[in-house]
Protein backbone atom coordinates (compact mmCIF):
# COMPACT_ATOMS: atom_id res chain seq x y z
CA MET A 1 6.55 15.49 -4.64
CA ASN A 2 7.06 18.76 -6.58
CA LEU A 3 5.43 17.86 -10.09
CA LEU A 4 8.72 19.37 -11.60
CA GLU A 5 10.65 16.59 -10.04
CA ASN A 6 8.71 14.10 -11.54
CA PRO A 7 10.39 12.19 -14.83
CA LEU A 8 7.17 13.21 -16.92
CA PHE A 9 8.21 16.72 -16.87
CA THR A 10 12.03 16.54 -17.24
CA GLY A 11 13.03 19.45 -19.35
CA ILE A 12 9.99 21.48 -18.23
CA LEU A 13 10.17 25.24 -16.85
CA PRO A 14 8.31 26.39 -13.99
CA GLU A 15 6.29 28.83 -16.30
CA GLU A 16 5.69 26.09 -19.04
CA LEU A 17 3.98 23.71 -16.08
CA ASP A 18 2.09 26.37 -15.03
CA GLN A 19 0.57 26.84 -18.67
CA MET A 20 0.28 23.07 -18.71
CA LYS A 21 -1.83 22.69 -15.36
CA THR A 22 -4.54 24.66 -17.49
CA CYS A 23 -4.18 23.29 -20.87
CA PHE A 24 -3.73 19.79 -19.68
CA GLU A 25 -6.84 20.29 -17.12
CA MET A 26 -4.94 18.74 -14.11
CA GLU A 27 -7.00 17.26 -11.30
CA ASN A 28 -5.77 16.44 -7.97
CA ARG A 29 -7.59 13.85 -6.01
CA THR A 30 -6.94 12.13 -2.59
CA PHE A 31 -7.48 8.24 -1.83
CA ARG A 32 -7.98 6.13 1.29
CA GLU A 33 -5.95 2.86 1.99
CA LYS A 34 -7.48 -0.08 -0.16
CA GLU A 35 -9.60 2.53 -2.32
CA GLU A 36 -9.73 1.48 -5.94
CA ILE A 37 -8.50 4.03 -8.35
CA PRO A 38 -9.99 5.08 -11.78
CA MET A 39 -7.40 5.28 -14.17
CA GLU A 40 -9.36 4.71 -17.58
CA GLY A 41 -8.36 7.22 -20.08
CA LYS A 42 -6.22 9.09 -17.60
CA VAL A 43 -2.46 9.42 -16.77
CA GLY A 44 -1.87 9.45 -12.78
CA ILE A 45 1.16 11.19 -11.23
CA LEU A 46 1.55 9.97 -7.35
CA LEU A 47 2.29 12.78 -5.18
CA SER A 48 2.39 11.12 -2.02
CA GLY A 49 1.56 7.75 -0.53
CA SER A 50 1.66 4.52 -2.56
CA VAL A 51 -0.39 2.51 -5.41
CA SER A 52 -0.27 -1.09 -6.30
CA LEU A 53 -1.01 -1.99 -9.76
CA ASN A 54 -2.66 -5.29 -10.28
CA ARG A 55 -3.65 -7.78 -12.87
CA LEU A 56 -7.09 -9.28 -12.33
CA GLY A 57 -6.66 -13.07 -13.64
CA ALA A 58 -9.18 -15.28 -15.05
CA ASP A 59 -9.58 -16.91 -11.62
CA GLY A 60 -10.63 -13.66 -9.99
CA ASN A 61 -7.17 -13.16 -8.08
CA LEU A 62 -5.14 -10.29 -8.31
CA ASP A 63 -1.55 -10.42 -9.34
CA MET A 64 0.51 -7.41 -8.40
CA LEU A 65 2.64 -5.96 -11.46
CA GLU A 66 4.12 -3.10 -9.72
CA TYR A 67 4.34 -1.16 -6.27
CA LEU A 68 4.59 2.45 -6.80
CA THR A 69 5.67 5.06 -4.53
CA ASP A 70 6.04 9.12 -4.62
CA GLY A 71 6.71 10.10 -8.38
CA GLY A 72 5.30 6.96 -9.71
CA ILE A 73 3.16 7.10 -12.94
CA PHE A 74 0.34 5.10 -14.02
CA GLY A 75 -2.61 4.68 -15.91
CA SER A 76 -4.31 2.80 -18.91
CA PHE A 77 -1.85 4.29 -21.00
CA PHE A 78 0.67 2.05 -19.54
CA SER A 79 -1.37 -0.99 -19.52
CA LEU A 80 0.94 -3.51 -21.61
CA PHE A 81 -1.20 -6.73 -20.93
CA ASP A 82 -4.05 -8.16 -22.80
CA GLY A 83 -6.78 -10.62 -21.59
CA GLY A 84 -6.71 -9.19 -18.03
CA GLU A 85 -8.02 -6.09 -16.50
CA ILE A 86 -5.53 -3.89 -14.72
CA ILE A 87 -6.56 -2.48 -11.15
CA ALA A 88 -4.96 0.08 -9.28
CA ILE A 89 -5.39 0.21 -5.66
CA CYS A 90 -4.26 2.70 -2.91
CA GLU A 91 -1.76 0.92 -0.64
CA LYS A 92 -1.29 3.98 1.57
CA ALA A 93 -3.10 7.10 1.54
CA CYS A 94 -2.16 9.12 -1.26
CA SER A 95 -2.46 12.21 -3.30
CA ILE A 96 -2.72 12.00 -7.14
CA VAL A 97 -2.62 14.35 -10.24
CA PHE A 98 -4.61 13.08 -13.18
CA ILE A 99 -4.41 14.30 -16.77
CA ASP A 100 -6.53 12.80 -19.35
CA THR A 101 -4.65 11.03 -21.93
CA CYS A 102 -6.02 12.81 -24.50
CA HIS A 103 -4.52 16.25 -23.59
CA ILE A 104 -1.14 14.60 -23.93
CA THR A 105 -1.45 12.67 -27.52
CA LYS A 106 -3.64 15.19 -29.31
CA GLN A 107 -1.62 17.41 -31.37
CA CYS A 108 -1.04 20.95 -29.99
CA SER A 109 -2.41 23.43 -32.22
CA ARG A 110 0.68 25.90 -30.92
CA ALA A 111 3.11 23.20 -31.69
CA CYS A 112 4.52 24.29 -27.80
CA HIS A 113 8.10 22.78 -26.73
CA HIS A 114 6.87 21.82 -23.51
CA HIS A 115 4.23 19.50 -25.02
CA SER A 116 6.45 17.91 -27.09
CA GLN A 117 8.93 17.42 -24.51
CA VAL A 118 6.10 15.90 -22.33
CA VAL A 119 5.39 13.34 -25.06
CA GLU A 120 8.92 12.65 -25.59
CA ASN A 121 9.26 11.91 -21.85
CA LEU A 122 6.01 9.69 -21.69
CA LEU A 123 7.50 7.36 -24.52
CA SER A 124 10.88 7.06 -22.25
CA LEU A 125 8.80 6.34 -19.33
CA MET A 126 6.77 3.29 -21.48
CA THR A 127 10.35 1.98 -22.24
CA GLU A 128 11.12 1.76 -18.71
CA LYS A 129 7.59 -0.13 -17.84
CA VAL A 130 8.34 -2.47 -20.42
CA GLN A 131 11.58 -3.27 -18.94
CA GLN A 132 10.15 -3.61 -16.02
CA LEU A 133 7.87 -5.85 -17.33
CA SER A 134 10.65 -8.01 -18.58
CA GLU A 135 11.94 -8.23 -15.02
CA LYS A 136 8.60 -9.45 -13.69
CA VAL A 137 8.67 -12.18 -16.88
CA GLU A 138 12.08 -13.14 -15.70
CA ILE A 139 11.32 -13.76 -12.14
CA LEU A 140 7.93 -15.82 -12.96
CA SER A 141 9.92 -18.02 -15.32
CA HIS A 142 11.66 -19.57 -12.46
CA ARG A 143 9.72 -22.54 -10.99
CA SER A 144 10.59 -23.07 -7.28
CA ILE A 145 9.93 -20.10 -4.88
CA ARG A 146 13.42 -20.02 -3.97
CA GLU A 147 14.59 -19.30 -7.65
CA LYS A 148 11.98 -16.51 -7.72
CA LEU A 149 13.15 -14.89 -4.40
CA LEU A 150 16.99 -15.01 -5.56
CA CYS A 151 16.02 -13.69 -8.93
CA TYR A 152 14.02 -10.74 -7.58
CA PHE A 153 16.68 -10.24 -4.93
CA ARG A 154 19.51 -9.97 -7.36
CA LEU A 155 17.59 -7.65 -9.61
CA GLN A 156 17.09 -5.28 -6.91
CA SER A 157 20.91 -5.72 -5.98
CA MET A 158 22.17 -5.44 -9.55
CA LYS A 159 19.88 -1.85 -9.39
CA THR A 160 21.65 -0.53 -6.43
CA GLY A 161 25.20 -2.03 -6.86
CA LYS A 162 24.71 -3.17 -3.26
CA ASP A 163 23.97 -6.36 -1.06
CA GLU A 164 21.74 -4.73 1.03
CA ILE A 165 18.33 -4.44 -0.29
CA LEU A 166 14.89 -2.94 0.96
CA ILE A 167 11.97 -4.53 0.03
CA PRO A 168 9.73 -1.44 -0.89
CA PHE A 169 6.53 -3.35 0.43
CA SER A 170 5.16 -5.99 2.99
CA PHE A 171 6.00 -9.72 2.40
CA SER A 172 2.29 -10.29 2.03
CA ALA A 173 2.57 -7.99 -1.27
CA LEU A 174 5.97 -9.45 -2.03
CA ALA A 175 4.31 -12.90 -2.21
CA ASN A 176 1.46 -11.32 -4.25
CA TYR A 177 4.29 -10.07 -6.54
CA LEU A 178 6.19 -13.33 -6.88
CA CYS A 179 2.83 -15.30 -7.28
CA VAL A 180 3.62 -17.41 -4.36
CA ASP A 181 1.75 -18.35 -1.22
CA ARG A 182 2.80 -16.15 1.85
CA SER A 183 3.53 -19.03 4.28
CA ALA A 184 5.32 -21.07 1.89
CA MET A 185 7.49 -17.99 1.18
CA THR A 186 8.19 -17.41 4.60
CA ARG A 187 9.28 -20.83 5.34
CA GLU A 188 11.57 -20.59 2.10
CA LEU A 189 13.24 -17.39 3.23
CA ARG A 190 14.05 -19.22 6.64
CA LYS A 191 15.36 -22.16 4.87
CA MET A 192 17.55 -19.72 2.67
CA LYS A 193 18.61 -17.83 5.98
CA ALA A 194 19.98 -21.28 7.43
CA ASP A 195 21.44 -22.09 4.10
CA GLY A 196 23.79 -18.99 4.30
CA LEU A 197 22.13 -17.44 1.24
CA VAL A 198 20.24 -14.44 2.64
CA ASP A 199 19.98 -12.58 5.93
CA VAL A 200 16.50 -10.78 6.62
CA ASN A 201 15.66 -8.18 9.43
CA GLY A 202 12.42 -6.62 8.76
CA ARG A 203 12.02 -5.70 5.17
CA GLN A 204 15.93 -5.27 5.03
CA VAL A 205 17.47 -8.33 3.20
CA HIS A 206 21.38 -8.97 2.86
CA LEU A 207 22.02 -11.21 -0.13
CA TYR A 208 25.21 -13.14 0.22
CA PRO A 209 27.40 -13.96 -2.65
CA MET A 210 26.76 -17.56 -4.04
């Protein structure tokens, strides 16, 4: 992905971005699959590949909070949880541009328009992260695996306005995201299909009207 296409740089001109690459000391790094990605004090912009953000619970297990693909933004700046460490893991070989958070949040001595615009964009992105967190809370508020699955599918369907849903990650990752056992989730999906609630073909899911 071109950096100018990233929502963090909405309203930024090409020549302004060139200035910011130097001013913000942007660093491009690559990571291998399953490699942990350091993000303390940084904002990461995912150019290619995929990354999962996971919360390390008191029991030592990782609970997936978010799955990011091209254009995704993550970092300590977006960590909205207390009482648990947030760990970023490369799920598919990725290329990431890092910016030290201090370069974004510190006051610009020249009061540059593009600096102010990036801060404004960052605040908007944080609002979106809060909304995504609310979705996660809504899903996990349901007790049964079926209710969690249906809630997840309905939320995805509402975003696209379609009954066809493409799960953006593996079923193992979906089970992790829903905080359920993968085998139990697979069995429940079969029951849901038999009950005429969904049809599953690979990662493609068709949600039938209730």
